Protein backbone atom coordinates (compact mmCIF):
# COMPACT_ATOMS: atom_id res chain seq x y z
CA MET A 1 118.74 7.78 -13.55
CA LYS A 2 117.19 9.93 -10.95
CA ASP A 3 114.14 8.60 -9.01
CA LYS A 4 111.38 10.88 -9.25
CA GLN A 5 109.37 11.04 -6.06
CA THR A 6 105.81 11.82 -6.76
CA GLN A 7 104.30 14.06 -4.20
CA ILE A 8 100.69 13.76 -3.56
CA LYS A 9 99.06 17.13 -3.16
CA PRO A 10 96.03 17.38 -0.94
CA ALA A 11 93.05 18.32 -2.91
CA ASP A 12 91.86 21.86 -2.35
CA THR A 13 89.19 21.32 0.25
CA PRO A 14 86.91 24.15 1.09
CA GLU A 15 86.96 25.38 4.62
CA VAL A 16 84.05 23.96 6.57
CA GLU A 17 82.34 26.43 8.84
CA VAL A 18 81.03 24.69 11.96
CA LEU A 19 78.30 26.47 13.75
CA GLU A 20 78.60 26.80 17.59
CA GLN A 21 75.26 25.25 18.16
CA ALA A 22 73.27 23.25 15.70
CA ARG A 23 69.88 24.59 14.85
CA ARG A 24 66.78 22.45 14.58
CA ARG A 25 65.16 22.55 11.26
CA GLN A 26 61.60 23.92 11.20
CA PHE A 27 59.13 23.13 8.49
CA SER A 28 56.13 25.26 7.76
CA ALA A 29 52.65 23.69 7.64
CA SER A 30 52.42 24.40 3.92
CA TYR A 31 55.75 22.60 3.23
CA LYS A 32 54.62 19.62 5.31
CA LEU A 33 51.43 19.38 3.44
CA LYS A 34 53.16 19.73 0.03
CA ILE A 35 55.56 16.88 0.89
CA VAL A 36 52.75 14.68 2.13
CA GLN A 37 50.67 15.22 -1.02
CA GLU A 38 53.72 14.61 -3.24
CA ALA A 39 54.43 11.33 -1.48
CA ASP A 40 50.75 10.29 -1.87
CA ARG A 41 51.02 10.92 -5.68
CA LEU A 42 54.22 8.74 -6.02
CA SER A 43 53.53 5.09 -6.37
CA GLY A 44 56.65 3.58 -8.10
CA THR A 45 59.29 1.56 -6.24
CA GLY A 46 61.82 3.82 -4.55
CA GLU A 47 60.09 7.10 -5.79
CA ILE A 48 59.22 8.13 -2.18
CA GLY A 49 62.71 7.25 -0.94
CA ALA A 50 64.27 9.39 -3.76
CA MET A 51 61.94 12.26 -2.87
CA LEU A 52 62.86 12.02 0.85
CA ARG A 53 66.63 11.92 -0.03
CA ARG A 54 66.21 14.92 -2.34
CA GLU A 55 64.45 16.92 0.45
CA GLY A 56 66.79 15.67 3.15
CA LEU A 57 63.88 14.08 5.23
CA TYR A 58 63.31 10.82 6.96
CA ALA A 59 60.55 8.33 6.56
CA SER A 60 59.55 8.78 10.13
CA GLN A 61 58.91 12.50 9.55
CA LEU A 62 56.70 11.72 6.59
CA ASN A 63 54.75 9.12 8.69
CA ALA A 64 54.33 11.63 11.53
CA TRP A 65 53.16 14.29 9.05
CA ARG A 66 50.62 11.93 7.52
CA LYS A 67 49.20 11.11 10.89
CA LEU A 68 48.93 14.75 11.72
CA ARG A 69 47.26 15.44 8.47
CA ASP A 70 44.83 12.70 9.13
CA LYS A 71 43.92 14.10 12.53
CA GLY A 72 43.15 17.61 11.45
CA ALA A 73 44.51 18.72 8.01
CA LEU A 74 46.57 21.90 8.30
CA SER A 75 45.68 22.60 11.95
CA GLY A 76 47.45 19.33 12.83
CA LEU A 77 50.35 20.33 10.67
CA SER A 78 50.89 23.80 12.06
CA ALA A 79 54.06 24.48 13.97
CA LYS A 80 53.81 23.97 17.69
CA LYS A 81 55.73 25.97 20.31
CA ARG A 82 58.16 23.80 22.13
CA GLY A 83 58.68 23.80 25.84
CA PRO A 84 56.37 23.97 28.85
CA LYS A 85 52.90 25.12 28.14
CA THR A 86 51.81 28.37 29.48
CA VAL A 87 49.14 28.33 32.17
CA GLU A 88 46.38 31.04 32.12
CA PRO A 89 46.63 32.98 35.34
CA ASN A 90 43.76 32.53 37.71
CA PRO A 91 41.85 35.87 37.84
CA LEU A 92 41.08 35.33 41.53
CA ALA A 93 44.60 34.47 42.59
CA GLY A 94 45.45 38.02 43.64
CA GLU A 95 42.30 38.41 45.65
CA ASN A 96 42.95 35.00 47.30
CA GLU A 97 46.41 36.00 48.30
CA SER A 98 45.22 39.34 49.77
CA LEU A 99 42.51 37.46 51.65
CA ARG A 100 45.05 35.00 53.04
CA ARG A 101 47.36 37.80 54.28
CA GLU A 102 44.40 39.56 55.94
CA ASN A 103 43.27 36.31 57.60
CA LYS A 104 46.77 35.73 58.96
CA ARG A 105 46.93 39.28 60.31
CA LEU A 106 43.43 38.86 62.06
CA VAL A 107 44.43 35.57 63.54
CA LYS A 108 47.49 37.32 65.27
CA LYS A 109 45.26 40.00 66.42
CA LEU A 110 42.78 37.50 67.82
CA GLN A 111 45.57 35.66 69.67
CA LYS A 112 46.67 38.84 71.27
CA ALA A 113 43.19 39.68 72.34
CA GLU A 114 42.73 36.26 73.84
CA MET A 115 46.00 36.55 75.76
CA LEU A 116 44.77 40.01 77.08
CA ILE A 117 41.44 38.52 78.15
CA ASP A 118 43.30 35.66 79.95
CA LEU A 119 45.59 38.13 81.70
CA GLN A 120 42.57 40.26 82.78
CA LYS A 121 40.90 37.13 84.19
CA LYS A 122 44.05 36.33 86.20
CA VAL A 123 44.36 39.81 87.57
CA ALA A 124 40.67 39.77 88.52
CA ALA A 125 41.13 36.50 90.30
CA LEU A 126 44.15 37.81 92.24
CA LEU A 127 42.32 40.91 93.32
CA GLU A 128 39.31 38.94 94.59
CA GLU A 129 41.61 36.64 96.68
CA ASP A 130 43.49 39.67 98.06
CA PRO A 131 43.25 39.52 101.94
CA GLU A 132 43.15 43.29 102.20
CA ASN A 133 39.87 43.47 100.23
CA GLU A 134 38.27 40.68 102.27
CA GLY A 135 38.89 42.36 105.62
CA SER A 136 37.34 45.68 104.69
CA ALA A 137 34.16 44.37 103.37
């Protein structure tokens, strides 16, 4: 008798496509409100859990959406832009900067003028002490 070796064939598995970078799921305000309202209507044991599994959501998301709804209905559930908040530009910032540059320029000009005045005082003091001018007077 010949032993028959049974070969196990791997099941035909579909090729899994892996994205280079995972994308964060985003939910619209209307979807969030629909889920919260549906969860509020459910009362049986495990019904909310079944709904969350069906939708692929977590209980923490539902709790957060309920809190947002209680704060301000749809405005609290609207999508928020992630990242740093944009700061409104100060309308006087350009004028302030130009005034600072002008002030700096004028301070340098004033320092030059003060140095020139000091030089003139020293020259005048030297001319007054000059022995040639004292003898002719």
